[in-house]
Every structure is written in C-alpha cells, then in structure tokens.
N, C-alpha and C. Protein backbone atom coordinates (compact mmCIF):
# COMPACT_ATOMS: atom_id res chain seq x y z
N MET A 1 0.88 -1.21 0.00
CA MET A 1 0.02 0.01 0.13
C MET A 1 0.95 1.26 0.07
N GLU A 2 0.57 2.14 -0.93
CA GLU A 2 1.36 3.37 -1.03
C GLU A 2 0.76 4.49 -0.11
N TYR A 3 1.55 5.14 0.69
CA TYR A 3 1.11 6.22 1.53
C TYR A 3 1.63 7.54 0.98
N ILE A 4 0.79 8.64 1.04
CA ILE A 4 1.02 9.81 0.69
C ILE A 4 0.87 10.74 1.74
N LEU A 5 1.81 11.58 2.17
CA LEU A 5 1.88 12.42 3.13
C LEU A 5 1.04 13.72 2.80
N THR A 6 0.03 14.03 3.66
CA THR A 6 -1.02 15.03 3.11
C THR A 6 -0.30 16.35 3.47
N GLU A 7 -0.78 17.45 2.71
CA GLU A 7 -0.18 18.69 2.93
C GLU A 7 -0.12 19.22 4.43
N SER A 8 -1.42 18.98 5.03
CA SER A 8 -1.64 19.51 6.35
C SER A 8 -0.68 18.56 7.30
N GLN A 9 -0.45 17.46 6.94
CA GLN A 9 0.41 16.75 7.84
C GLN A 9 1.82 17.19 7.63
N PHE A 10 2.22 17.44 6.41
CA PHE A 10 3.47 17.88 6.00
C PHE A 10 3.79 19.25 6.70
N GLN A 11 2.77 20.27 6.58
CA GLN A 11 3.01 21.73 7.31
C GLN A 11 3.05 21.49 8.85
N LYS A 12 2.26 20.54 9.46
CA LYS A 12 2.31 20.27 10.85
C LYS A 12 3.74 19.87 11.32
N LEU A 13 4.30 19.05 10.51
CA LEU A 13 5.72 18.58 10.75
C LEU A 13 6.67 19.76 10.86
N ILE A 14 6.57 20.61 9.77
CA ILE A 14 7.37 21.73 9.65
C ILE A 14 7.14 22.68 10.67
N LEU A 15 5.96 23.00 11.15
CA LEU A 15 5.71 23.91 12.12
C LEU A 15 6.25 23.52 13.67
N GLU A 16 6.12 22.15 13.76
CA GLU A 16 6.58 21.74 15.10
C GLU A 16 8.08 21.39 15.32
N SER A 17 8.78 21.68 14.16
CA SER A 17 10.17 21.39 14.20
C SER A 17 11.12 22.51 14.02
N ARG A 18 10.49 23.79 13.98
CA ARG A 18 11.30 24.83 13.52
C ARG A 18 12.28 25.40 14.75
N ASN A 19 13.47 25.38 14.39
CA ASN A 19 14.43 25.88 15.28
C ASN A 19 15.29 26.98 14.66
N GLN A 20 16.65 26.85 14.85
CA GLN A 20 17.40 28.00 14.20
C GLN A 20 18.55 27.40 13.25
N ASP A 21 19.55 26.73 13.81
CA ASP A 21 20.60 26.34 12.92
C ASP A 21 20.71 24.80 13.00
N ILE A 22 20.67 24.22 11.74
CA ILE A 22 20.43 22.65 11.55
C ILE A 22 21.75 22.03 12.28
N THR A 23 22.88 22.57 12.20
CA THR A 23 24.20 22.06 12.80
C THR A 23 23.91 21.84 14.33
N GLN A 24 23.58 23.10 14.76
CA GLN A 24 23.48 23.08 16.29
C GLN A 24 22.22 22.25 16.79
N SER A 25 21.24 22.25 15.93
CA SER A 25 19.92 21.60 16.39
C SER A 25 20.27 19.93 16.45
N LEU A 26 20.99 19.56 15.45
CA LEU A 26 21.34 18.12 15.40
C LEU A 26 22.05 17.71 16.68
N LYS A 27 23.23 18.48 16.93
CA LYS A 27 24.02 18.41 17.91
C LYS A 27 23.19 18.34 19.32
N GLU A 28 22.37 19.33 19.45
CA GLU A 28 21.53 19.42 20.68
C GLU A 28 20.54 18.18 20.89
N LEU A 29 20.10 17.77 19.64
CA LEU A 29 19.20 16.49 19.73
C LEU A 29 19.93 15.32 20.17
N TYR A 30 21.13 15.06 19.61
CA TYR A 30 22.03 13.95 20.21
C TYR A 30 22.47 14.13 21.59
N GLN A 31 22.58 15.46 22.01
CA GLN A 31 23.12 15.52 23.46
C GLN A 31 21.99 15.25 24.35
N GLU A 32 20.73 15.65 23.97
CA GLU A 32 19.59 15.43 24.83
C GLU A 32 19.29 13.98 24.89
N ALA A 33 19.49 13.11 23.71
CA ALA A 33 19.24 11.70 23.78
C ALA A 33 20.29 11.12 24.64
N LYS A 34 21.56 11.59 24.67
CA LYS A 34 22.69 10.95 25.36
C LYS A 34 22.49 11.17 26.92
N ASN A 35 22.03 12.44 27.27
CA ASN A 35 21.79 12.78 28.55
C ASN A 35 20.68 11.94 29.15
N LEU A 36 19.66 11.60 28.37
CA LEU A 36 18.44 10.83 28.71
C LEU A 36 18.96 9.51 29.02
N LEU A 37 19.83 8.82 28.23
CA LEU A 37 20.52 7.51 28.30
C LEU A 37 21.11 7.43 29.61
N ASP A 38 22.11 8.51 29.92
CA ASP A 38 22.94 8.62 31.00
C ASP A 38 22.17 8.63 32.31
N GLU A 39 20.89 9.38 32.22
CA GLU A 39 19.99 9.50 33.57
C GLU A 39 19.45 8.21 33.74
N CYS A 40 18.99 7.44 32.70
CA CYS A 40 18.32 6.20 32.80
C CYS A 40 19.07 5.20 33.49
N ALA A 41 20.46 5.24 33.20
CA ALA A 41 21.48 4.27 33.72
C ALA A 41 21.62 4.69 35.30
N GLN A 42 21.78 5.93 35.57
CA GLN A 42 21.94 6.29 36.91
C GLN A 42 20.84 6.17 37.89
N THR A 43 19.64 6.59 37.24
CA THR A 43 18.40 6.65 38.19
C THR A 43 17.68 5.16 38.29
N TRP A 44 17.57 4.52 37.20
CA TRP A 44 16.90 3.21 36.96
C TRP A 44 17.86 1.96 36.95
N GLY A 45 19.01 2.08 36.80
CA GLY A 45 20.10 0.93 36.61
C GLY A 45 19.92 0.28 35.28
N LEU A 46 19.36 0.84 34.39
CA LEU A 46 19.31 0.35 33.12
C LEU A 46 20.09 0.98 32.00
N ASN A 47 21.27 0.35 31.87
CA ASN A 47 22.36 0.92 30.98
C ASN A 47 22.03 0.68 29.44
N ALA A 48 21.49 1.62 28.78
CA ALA A 48 21.19 1.53 27.37
C ALA A 48 22.12 2.65 26.55
N LYS A 49 23.20 3.00 26.99
CA LYS A 49 24.05 4.11 26.46
C LYS A 49 24.49 3.64 25.10
N PHE A 50 24.49 2.22 24.92
CA PHE A 50 24.83 1.86 23.40
C PHE A 50 23.87 2.26 22.37
N LEU A 51 22.92 2.72 22.80
CA LEU A 51 21.69 3.11 21.72
C LEU A 51 22.27 4.52 21.16
N ILE A 52 23.13 5.06 21.76
CA ILE A 52 23.63 6.53 21.20
C ILE A 52 24.42 6.25 19.98
N THR A 53 24.66 5.11 19.51
CA THR A 53 25.21 4.80 18.38
C THR A 53 24.30 5.23 17.24
N TRP A 54 23.11 5.37 17.42
CA TRP A 54 22.15 5.74 16.53
C TRP A 54 22.18 7.18 16.25
N GLY A 55 22.92 7.89 17.12
CA GLY A 55 23.10 9.43 16.74
C GLY A 55 22.00 10.13 16.90
N ALA A 56 21.88 11.10 16.00
CA ALA A 56 20.60 12.12 16.04
C ALA A 56 19.26 11.35 15.76
N ALA A 57 19.35 10.20 15.05
CA ALA A 57 18.11 9.48 14.59
C ALA A 57 17.49 8.93 15.94
N LEU A 58 18.18 8.70 16.93
CA LEU A 58 17.55 8.39 18.09
C LEU A 58 16.75 9.61 18.90
N GLY A 59 17.47 10.54 18.85
CA GLY A 59 16.96 11.87 19.29
C GLY A 59 15.73 12.28 18.49
N GLY A 60 15.80 12.11 17.28
CA GLY A 60 14.57 12.59 16.38
C GLY A 60 13.36 11.71 16.79
N MET A 61 13.55 10.61 17.25
CA MET A 61 12.28 9.85 17.61
C MET A 61 11.85 9.94 19.12
N ILE A 62 12.90 9.97 19.93
CA ILE A 62 12.41 10.01 21.29
C ILE A 62 12.36 11.52 22.00
N VAL A 63 12.92 12.40 21.49
CA VAL A 63 12.91 13.73 22.10
C VAL A 63 11.45 14.32 21.84
N PRO A 64 10.89 14.20 20.79
CA PRO A 64 9.48 14.67 20.67
C PRO A 64 8.62 14.01 21.62
N LEU A 65 8.82 12.70 21.77
CA LEU A 65 7.90 11.74 22.69
C LEU A 65 8.04 12.33 24.10
N LYS A 66 9.27 12.54 24.54
CA LYS A 66 9.65 13.17 25.89
C LYS A 66 8.81 14.47 26.05
N ASP A 67 8.82 15.25 24.94
CA ASP A 67 8.15 16.59 25.04
C ASP A 67 6.67 16.35 25.14
N TYR A 68 6.18 15.27 24.35
CA TYR A 68 4.78 15.16 24.48
C TYR A 68 4.30 14.78 25.84
N LEU A 69 4.98 13.97 26.53
CA LEU A 69 4.89 13.54 27.82
C LEU A 69 4.67 14.78 28.82
N GLU A 70 5.79 15.46 28.71
CA GLU A 70 6.02 16.67 29.66
C GLU A 70 4.73 17.58 29.36
N ASN A 71 4.20 17.66 28.18
CA ASN A 71 3.11 18.75 27.97
C ASN A 71 1.70 18.08 28.29
N ASN A 72 1.80 16.82 28.17
CA ASN A 72 0.30 16.27 28.46
C ASN A 72 0.17 15.43 29.85
N ASN A 73 1.24 15.23 30.49
CA ASN A 73 1.20 14.32 31.56
C ASN A 73 1.83 14.96 32.85
N PRO A 74 1.48 16.31 33.36
CA PRO A 74 2.16 16.95 34.31
C PRO A 74 2.08 16.22 35.63
N GLU A 75 1.45 15.03 35.78
CA GLU A 75 1.52 14.30 37.10
C GLU A 75 2.85 13.50 37.12
N LEU A 76 3.45 13.27 36.02
CA LEU A 76 4.74 12.37 35.92
C LEU A 76 5.83 13.04 36.40
N THR A 77 6.78 12.39 36.95
CA THR A 77 8.00 12.88 37.56
C THR A 77 9.02 12.89 36.19
N HIS A 78 10.02 13.65 36.32
CA HIS A 78 11.10 13.54 35.30
C HIS A 78 11.67 12.16 35.31
N GLU A 79 11.87 11.36 36.24
CA GLU A 79 12.42 10.08 36.30
C GLU A 79 11.43 9.11 35.43
N GLN A 80 10.14 9.28 35.86
CA GLN A 80 9.11 8.43 35.35
C GLN A 80 9.25 8.73 33.67
N ILE A 81 9.25 9.88 33.37
CA ILE A 81 9.19 10.26 31.80
C ILE A 81 10.44 9.57 31.14
N ILE A 82 11.46 9.80 31.71
CA ILE A 82 12.77 9.27 31.04
C ILE A 82 12.76 7.74 30.95
N LEU A 83 11.97 7.07 31.96
CA LEU A 83 11.87 5.48 32.12
C LEU A 83 10.89 5.13 30.95
N LEU A 84 9.82 5.91 30.61
CA LEU A 84 8.87 5.64 29.61
C LEU A 84 9.45 5.89 28.22
N VAL A 85 10.45 6.82 28.11
CA VAL A 85 11.02 7.17 26.70
C VAL A 85 12.08 6.09 26.56
N LEU A 86 12.68 5.65 27.56
CA LEU A 86 13.63 4.36 27.49
C LEU A 86 12.88 3.18 26.90
N GLY A 87 11.65 2.88 27.35
CA GLY A 87 10.87 2.02 26.86
C GLY A 87 10.70 1.95 25.42
N ILE A 88 10.26 3.22 24.86
CA ILE A 88 10.11 3.49 23.43
C ILE A 88 11.50 3.09 22.73
N ALA A 89 12.50 3.70 23.22
CA ALA A 89 13.86 3.63 22.65
C ALA A 89 14.15 2.16 22.37
N SER A 90 14.02 1.44 23.53
CA SER A 90 14.45 0.04 23.39
C SER A 90 13.57 -0.86 22.51
N ASN A 91 12.37 -0.54 22.37
CA ASN A 91 11.55 -1.29 21.45
C ASN A 91 11.69 -1.00 20.10
N TYR A 92 12.27 0.20 19.85
CA TYR A 92 12.46 0.66 18.25
C TYR A 92 13.79 0.38 17.84
N PHE A 93 14.83 0.67 18.84
CA PHE A 93 16.18 0.71 18.31
C PHE A 93 17.01 -0.41 18.87
N TYR A 94 16.51 -1.39 19.73
CA TYR A 94 17.42 -2.46 20.25
C TYR A 94 16.69 -3.64 20.24
N ASP A 95 17.04 -4.66 19.52
CA ASP A 95 16.64 -6.08 19.29
C ASP A 95 16.98 -6.91 20.30
N ASN A 96 16.53 -6.72 21.65
CA ASN A 96 17.05 -7.63 22.81
C ASN A 96 15.93 -7.69 23.78
N GLU A 97 15.40 -8.82 23.64
CA GLU A 97 14.07 -8.94 24.45
C GLU A 97 14.49 -9.02 25.87
N THR A 98 15.49 -9.50 26.29
CA THR A 98 15.79 -9.58 27.84
C THR A 98 15.82 -8.14 28.33
N PHE A 99 16.54 -7.12 27.54
CA PHE A 99 16.69 -5.86 28.10
C PHE A 99 15.34 -5.16 28.10
N ILE A 100 14.50 -5.45 26.94
CA ILE A 100 13.22 -4.74 26.92
C ILE A 100 12.22 -5.24 28.08
N ARG A 101 12.36 -6.49 28.40
CA ARG A 101 11.55 -7.07 29.56
C ARG A 101 11.96 -6.35 30.82
N LYS A 102 13.29 -6.13 30.99
CA LYS A 102 13.80 -5.39 32.23
C LYS A 102 12.99 -3.87 32.30
N VAL A 103 13.05 -3.29 31.20
CA VAL A 103 12.52 -1.83 31.23
C VAL A 103 10.91 -1.90 31.30
N VAL A 104 10.19 -2.98 30.64
CA VAL A 104 8.80 -3.04 30.79
C VAL A 104 8.50 -3.38 32.38
N LYS A 105 9.28 -4.19 32.87
CA LYS A 105 9.12 -4.45 34.46
C LYS A 105 9.20 -3.17 35.17
N LYS A 106 10.10 -2.64 35.16
CA LYS A 106 10.27 -1.08 35.82
C LYS A 106 8.96 -0.23 35.53
N ILE A 107 8.54 -0.34 34.26
CA ILE A 107 7.35 0.52 33.91
C ILE A 107 6.06 -0.07 34.65
N LYS A 108 5.93 -1.37 34.84
CA LYS A 108 4.79 -1.84 35.38
C LYS A 108 4.95 -1.60 36.94
N GLU A 109 6.05 -1.65 37.52
CA GLU A 109 6.11 -1.39 39.00
C GLU A 109 5.93 -0.02 39.25
N GLU A 110 6.19 0.88 38.38
CA GLU A 110 5.80 2.27 38.59
C GLU A 110 4.42 2.54 38.29
N GLY A 111 3.55 1.48 37.87
CA GLY A 111 2.11 1.72 37.53
C GLY A 111 1.74 2.54 36.33
N LEU A 112 2.89 2.43 35.37
CA LEU A 112 2.75 3.39 34.24
C LEU A 112 2.47 2.50 32.88
N LEU A 113 1.86 1.42 32.96
CA LEU A 113 1.68 0.49 31.73
C LEU A 113 0.60 1.04 30.97
N ASP A 114 -0.34 1.81 31.35
CA ASP A 114 -1.34 2.37 30.48
C ASP A 114 -0.69 3.69 29.76
N VAL A 115 0.04 4.42 30.50
CA VAL A 115 0.60 5.68 30.03
C VAL A 115 1.63 5.10 28.95
N PHE A 116 2.43 4.13 29.04
CA PHE A 116 3.32 3.63 28.19
C PHE A 116 2.67 3.08 26.95
N ARG A 117 1.50 2.52 27.01
CA ARG A 117 0.82 1.99 25.87
C ARG A 117 0.30 3.25 24.93
N LYS A 118 -0.16 4.34 25.72
CA LYS A 118 -0.46 5.49 24.90
C LYS A 118 0.81 5.93 24.10
N LEU A 119 1.87 6.09 24.96
CA LEU A 119 3.07 6.59 24.32
C LEU A 119 3.55 5.86 23.15
N TYR A 120 3.32 4.60 23.23
CA TYR A 120 3.60 3.61 22.12
C TYR A 120 2.85 3.96 20.95
N ASP A 121 1.48 4.15 21.13
CA ASP A 121 0.82 4.58 20.02
C ASP A 121 1.10 5.81 19.48
N LYS A 122 1.70 6.97 20.16
CA LYS A 122 2.15 8.12 19.56
C LYS A 122 3.50 7.79 18.96
N ALA A 123 4.26 6.86 19.38
CA ALA A 123 5.63 6.51 18.70
C ALA A 123 5.10 5.86 17.38
N GLU A 124 4.20 5.08 17.25
CA GLU A 124 3.63 4.39 16.00
C GLU A 124 3.42 5.49 15.09
N GLU A 125 2.49 6.45 15.48
CA GLU A 125 2.11 7.62 14.64
C GLU A 125 3.15 8.61 13.96
N LEU A 126 4.18 8.70 14.85
CA LEU A 126 5.52 9.25 14.53
C LEU A 126 6.26 8.57 13.44
N LYS A 127 6.23 7.21 13.64
CA LYS A 127 7.01 6.40 12.81
C LYS A 127 6.25 6.36 11.41
N ARG A 128 4.95 6.26 11.47
CA ARG A 128 4.11 6.22 10.08
C ARG A 128 4.17 7.70 9.33
N ALA A 129 4.40 8.81 10.19
CA ALA A 129 4.48 10.08 9.59
C ALA A 129 5.85 10.15 8.94
N LEU A 130 6.88 9.43 9.42
CA LEU A 130 8.08 9.51 8.85
C LEU A 130 8.19 8.55 7.65
N GLY A 131 7.61 7.54 7.69
CA GLY A 131 7.43 6.47 6.59
C GLY A 131 6.78 7.09 5.49
N MET A 132 5.67 7.93 5.83
CA MET A 132 4.86 8.47 4.77
C MET A 132 5.75 9.69 4.04
N PHE A 133 6.50 10.41 4.85
CA PHE A 133 7.16 11.47 4.43
C PHE A 133 8.30 10.86 3.46
N LEU A 134 8.98 9.86 3.75
CA LEU A 134 9.98 9.15 3.11
C LEU A 134 9.29 8.61 1.62
N ASN A 135 8.11 8.05 1.92
CA ASN A 135 7.54 7.60 0.70
C ASN A 135 7.17 8.68 -0.25
N SER A 136 6.84 9.74 0.24
CA SER A 136 6.34 10.91 -0.63
C SER A 136 7.57 11.53 -1.37
N LEU A 137 8.80 11.21 -0.87
CA LEU A 137 9.98 11.55 -1.41
C LEU A 137 10.55 10.32 -2.50
N LYS A 138 9.84 9.35 -2.33
CA LYS A 138 10.35 8.16 -3.08
C LYS A 138 11.63 7.77 -2.80
N VAL A 139 11.94 7.90 -1.22
CA VAL A 139 12.99 7.35 -0.74
C VAL A 139 12.88 5.87 -0.26
N THR A 140 13.73 5.02 -0.57
CA THR A 140 13.50 3.55 -0.35
C THR A 140 13.89 3.19 1.12
N ALA A 141 12.91 2.81 1.87
CA ALA A 141 13.29 2.53 3.26
C ALA A 141 12.29 1.34 3.53
N ASN A 142 12.76 0.09 3.43
CA ASN A 142 11.99 -1.06 3.48
C ASN A 142 11.81 -1.83 4.81
N THR A 143 12.83 -1.35 5.83
CA THR A 143 12.86 -2.01 7.14
C THR A 143 12.55 -1.02 8.06
N LEU A 144 12.27 -1.43 9.32
CA LEU A 144 12.13 -0.45 10.48
C LEU A 144 13.25 0.32 10.76
N TYR A 145 14.50 -0.37 10.58
CA TYR A 145 15.66 0.14 11.03
C TYR A 145 16.09 1.31 9.91
N SER A 146 15.75 1.05 8.72
CA SER A 146 16.13 1.93 7.59
C SER A 146 15.20 3.07 7.65
N ILE A 147 13.99 2.95 8.15
CA ILE A 147 13.12 4.15 8.27
C ILE A 147 13.72 5.09 9.40
N LEU A 148 13.97 4.30 10.58
CA LEU A 148 14.47 4.95 11.71
C LEU A 148 15.81 5.89 11.71
N SER A 149 16.57 5.37 10.57
CA SER A 149 17.90 6.04 10.36
C SER A 149 17.56 7.34 9.85
N TYR A 150 16.32 7.69 9.33
CA TYR A 150 16.13 8.99 8.86
C TYR A 150 15.23 9.76 9.88
N ALA A 151 15.14 9.29 10.98
CA ALA A 151 14.22 9.96 12.10
C ALA A 151 14.94 11.30 12.50
N PHE A 152 16.15 11.48 12.21
CA PHE A 152 16.78 12.84 12.65
C PHE A 152 16.12 14.00 12.07
N ILE A 153 15.50 13.67 10.80
CA ILE A 153 14.93 14.60 10.10
C ILE A 153 13.58 15.49 10.72
N LEU A 154 13.05 14.67 11.43
CA LEU A 154 11.73 15.27 12.16
C LEU A 154 11.88 16.50 12.89
N PRO A 155 12.70 16.63 13.84
CA PRO A 155 12.80 17.73 14.64
C PRO A 155 13.50 18.98 13.83
N VAL A 156 14.11 18.70 12.69
CA VAL A 156 14.84 19.84 12.14
C VAL A 156 14.28 20.18 10.79
N LEU A 157 12.80 19.65 10.49
CA LEU A 157 12.26 20.13 9.17
C LEU A 157 12.13 21.75 9.06
N GLY A 158 11.86 22.26 10.23
CA GLY A 158 11.65 23.84 10.16
C GLY A 158 13.07 24.33 9.58
N ASP A 159 14.17 23.88 10.15
CA ASP A 159 15.52 24.41 9.83
C ASP A 159 15.73 24.31 8.36
N LEU A 160 15.27 22.96 7.90
CA LEU A 160 15.53 22.68 6.47
C LEU A 160 14.70 23.69 5.72
N TYR A 161 13.49 23.88 6.04
CA TYR A 161 12.48 24.52 5.29
C TYR A 161 13.08 26.17 5.06
N ASP A 162 13.54 26.65 6.22
CA ASP A 162 14.21 28.03 6.20
C ASP A 162 15.43 28.04 5.19
N LEU A 163 16.31 27.07 5.33
CA LEU A 163 17.49 26.89 4.26
C LEU A 163 17.15 26.64 3.04
N SER A 164 16.09 25.94 2.72
CA SER A 164 15.57 25.63 1.40
C SER A 164 14.90 26.77 0.61
N GLN A 165 14.92 28.00 1.07
CA GLN A 165 14.23 29.01 0.40
C GLN A 165 15.00 29.82 -0.64
N GLY A 166 16.28 29.30 -0.68
CA GLY A 166 17.15 30.10 -1.80
C GLY A 166 16.68 29.79 -3.16
N GLU A 167 17.47 30.38 -4.09
CA GLU A 167 17.06 30.12 -5.66
C GLU A 167 17.54 28.85 -6.15
N ASP A 168 18.98 28.53 -5.78
CA ASP A 168 19.80 27.49 -6.39
C ASP A 168 19.66 26.32 -5.60
N ASN A 169 18.88 25.30 -6.14
CA ASN A 169 18.58 24.09 -5.45
C ASN A 169 19.95 23.22 -5.24
N LEU A 170 20.84 23.28 -6.12
CA LEU A 170 21.94 22.61 -6.03
C LEU A 170 22.96 23.21 -4.95
N GLU A 171 23.11 24.47 -4.89
CA GLU A 171 23.83 25.14 -3.79
C GLU A 171 23.20 24.89 -2.45
N THR A 172 21.78 25.05 -2.31
CA THR A 172 20.98 24.82 -1.18
C THR A 172 21.32 23.44 -0.75
N THR A 173 21.24 22.34 -1.47
CA THR A 173 21.51 21.06 -1.23
C THR A 173 22.84 20.89 -0.46
N LYS A 174 23.76 21.47 -1.31
CA LYS A 174 25.23 21.25 -0.82
C LYS A 174 25.42 22.02 0.64
N LEU A 175 24.85 23.11 0.74
CA LEU A 175 24.96 23.83 2.20
C LEU A 175 24.22 22.87 3.16
N ILE A 176 23.30 22.47 2.99
CA ILE A 176 22.33 21.62 3.82
C ILE A 176 23.28 20.40 4.27
N VAL A 177 23.83 19.68 3.26
CA VAL A 177 24.55 18.56 3.43
C VAL A 177 25.82 18.85 4.43
N GLN A 178 26.39 20.10 3.93
CA GLN A 178 27.50 20.40 4.91
C GLN A 178 27.42 20.71 6.24
N ARG A 179 26.17 21.21 6.59
CA ARG A 179 25.61 21.50 7.93
C ARG A 179 25.25 20.27 8.50
N ILE A 180 24.67 19.25 8.00
CA ILE A 180 24.27 17.92 8.51
C ILE A 180 25.56 17.18 8.75
N LEU A 181 26.64 17.16 7.87
CA LEU A 181 27.68 16.50 8.12
C LEU A 181 28.68 17.13 9.28
N ALA A 182 28.54 18.51 9.34
CA ALA A 182 29.23 19.27 10.40
C ALA A 182 28.88 18.82 11.80
N SER A 183 27.50 18.49 11.89
CA SER A 183 27.14 17.99 13.11
C SER A 183 27.77 16.68 13.73
N GLY A 184 28.20 15.79 12.86
CA GLY A 184 28.77 14.71 13.27
C GLY A 184 27.95 13.67 13.90
N VAL A 185 26.65 13.79 13.80
CA VAL A 185 25.80 12.81 14.49
C VAL A 185 24.71 12.28 13.64
N VAL A 186 24.85 12.17 12.40
CA VAL A 186 23.92 11.67 11.45
C VAL A 186 24.69 10.51 10.81
N LEU A 187 23.90 9.24 10.87
CA LEU A 187 24.53 7.98 10.41
C LEU A 187 24.43 8.09 8.68
N ILE A 188 23.53 8.63 8.13
CA ILE A 188 23.44 8.48 6.63
C ILE A 188 24.49 9.59 5.90
N VAL A 189 25.21 9.24 5.17
CA VAL A 189 26.41 10.01 4.56
C VAL A 189 26.35 9.75 2.96
N GLY A 190 27.47 10.39 2.44
CA GLY A 190 27.66 10.26 1.04
C GLY A 190 26.37 10.51 0.02
N ALA A 191 26.39 9.48 -0.79
CA ALA A 191 25.34 9.76 -1.90
C ALA A 191 23.92 9.63 -1.36
N ALA A 192 23.78 8.75 -0.38
CA ALA A 192 22.38 8.66 0.14
C ALA A 192 22.00 9.93 0.81
N LEU A 193 22.84 10.58 1.49
CA LEU A 193 22.50 11.81 2.12
C LEU A 193 22.30 12.93 1.07
N ASN A 194 23.10 13.05 0.05
CA ASN A 194 23.01 14.08 -0.94
C ASN A 194 21.53 13.85 -1.64
N ASN A 195 21.40 12.62 -2.01
CA ASN A 195 19.88 12.34 -2.68
C ASN A 195 18.78 12.61 -1.73
N PHE A 196 18.92 12.27 -0.51
CA PHE A 196 17.84 12.59 0.48
C PHE A 196 17.57 14.04 0.61
N VAL A 197 18.65 14.81 0.69
CA VAL A 197 18.44 16.14 0.95
C VAL A 197 18.02 16.85 -0.33
N SER A 198 18.56 16.48 -1.50
CA SER A 198 18.10 17.07 -2.62
C SER A 198 16.54 16.87 -2.90
N LYS A 199 16.06 15.74 -2.47
CA LYS A 199 14.55 15.38 -2.54
C LYS A 199 13.86 16.25 -1.60
N VAL A 200 14.38 16.51 -0.34
CA VAL A 200 13.71 17.09 0.58
C VAL A 200 13.50 18.72 0.15
N VAL A 201 14.70 19.08 -0.38
CA VAL A 201 14.72 20.67 -0.79
C VAL A 201 13.52 20.85 -1.87
N ASN A 202 13.55 19.90 -2.80
CA ASN A 202 12.53 19.88 -3.85
C ASN A 202 11.19 19.93 -3.24
N ARG A 203 10.94 19.12 -2.19
CA ARG A 203 9.62 19.00 -1.67
C ARG A 203 9.23 20.16 -1.05
N LEU A 204 10.28 20.90 -0.14
CA LEU A 204 9.97 21.83 0.58
C LEU A 204 9.69 23.08 -0.23
N LYS A 205 10.18 23.21 -1.58
CA LYS A 205 9.84 24.48 -2.43
C LYS A 205 8.58 24.20 -3.09
N GLU A 206 7.92 23.03 -3.04
CA GLU A 206 6.69 23.01 -3.72
C GLU A 206 5.40 23.84 -3.28
C-alpha cells in the first residue's frame, strides 16, 4: 500500500520542528538523547548507552515523545518520563528481548503501563508519519531500521525549510549537506545523504 503524506500533515511537521541552525539543532538533539540515556542508567540501573550509536536518529524519535509526555502528563516525574521514553527507545532501536523485558518490568512497577501503551501509540504515529514522508520523497526504506535512520529529520524540518528557500537548489542542497555532516551525529552520509537532501529541498519548495 502506498502512503502519501497530506499537505496538512507535512505543514504540521514543519511547524513543530522549527529551530534555528541545523548543525546546532542536530548536536543538541544528540546531546539530549545521550543525557536521557545517562540518566536512565543512573536513576533506574538500566544501561542503554549503546543506543547512542544511532546518533541524532535516536533523538529524532524520542525527544518529541519526551516533549509530548511533559506537555500532556504533568503528574509524571522527570524520572518516570525518562523511563517511559527508554521503553520506546529500546523497543524501536534495540533488538534484545531480555533488556526490553527489564524496562517494561520497571514501567509496570511504577504503575505506568497504560501511559506507556498510549506513548507507544504516539511513537507508531510518528513512525508512520516519517514513513509517509519518505514515501512521498520516493526514498526507499523497507525495514524499520532503515526508516528510523532518517528520524533525525523530524525535529529539524523547520530548519531545512528555512534553508531551502534560496534560488539555487544545487547550492542549497550542498549547504544543507555540509551543515548536517558538520554536526557529526547523523548516520546517513555520502550519496544517500545528498540524494535525500536534494529530494527534501525540492519537496519543501513545492
């Protein structure tokens, strides 16, 4: 089944992701994800620091979910929020049932299973939106991991939109690629990154 990202969904993604500088935004995204994993290890004894090898893609998926919890569940403590987000991160970015069971056990002990289920539904919405966006660009991403490797794009679409408003698509693409690479926290590089950014620039100019 072919999914098409609607214009309203596309505009919503842009409006929710607008920051300032893409290089700095990606670095901050990576750092926030790293801090969260560090806190989970210290607070809950759940060491998932290895997930940071996903770079900004990890932050692109879990930071919006953390923000969602903070805005919609004021009764949750910071410690509970990072535990719930770790549950999402381990489900999507780590194929280890033993570790996932440990995280879910902690979530149950905190009485947060219903909140976790709702957060998982939100994560699925985010993943579907990313998949539809990639599909609208005709970017091949056939597996969950290949889709998630592009998750860094979600929180910085606003940055890309601002950068894409120049006249020369080739120069704009080159500039954006340089800024993404300068962050040092994105897994996709080389021809794949150039091709992806070129398609994003063209899409943002439509």
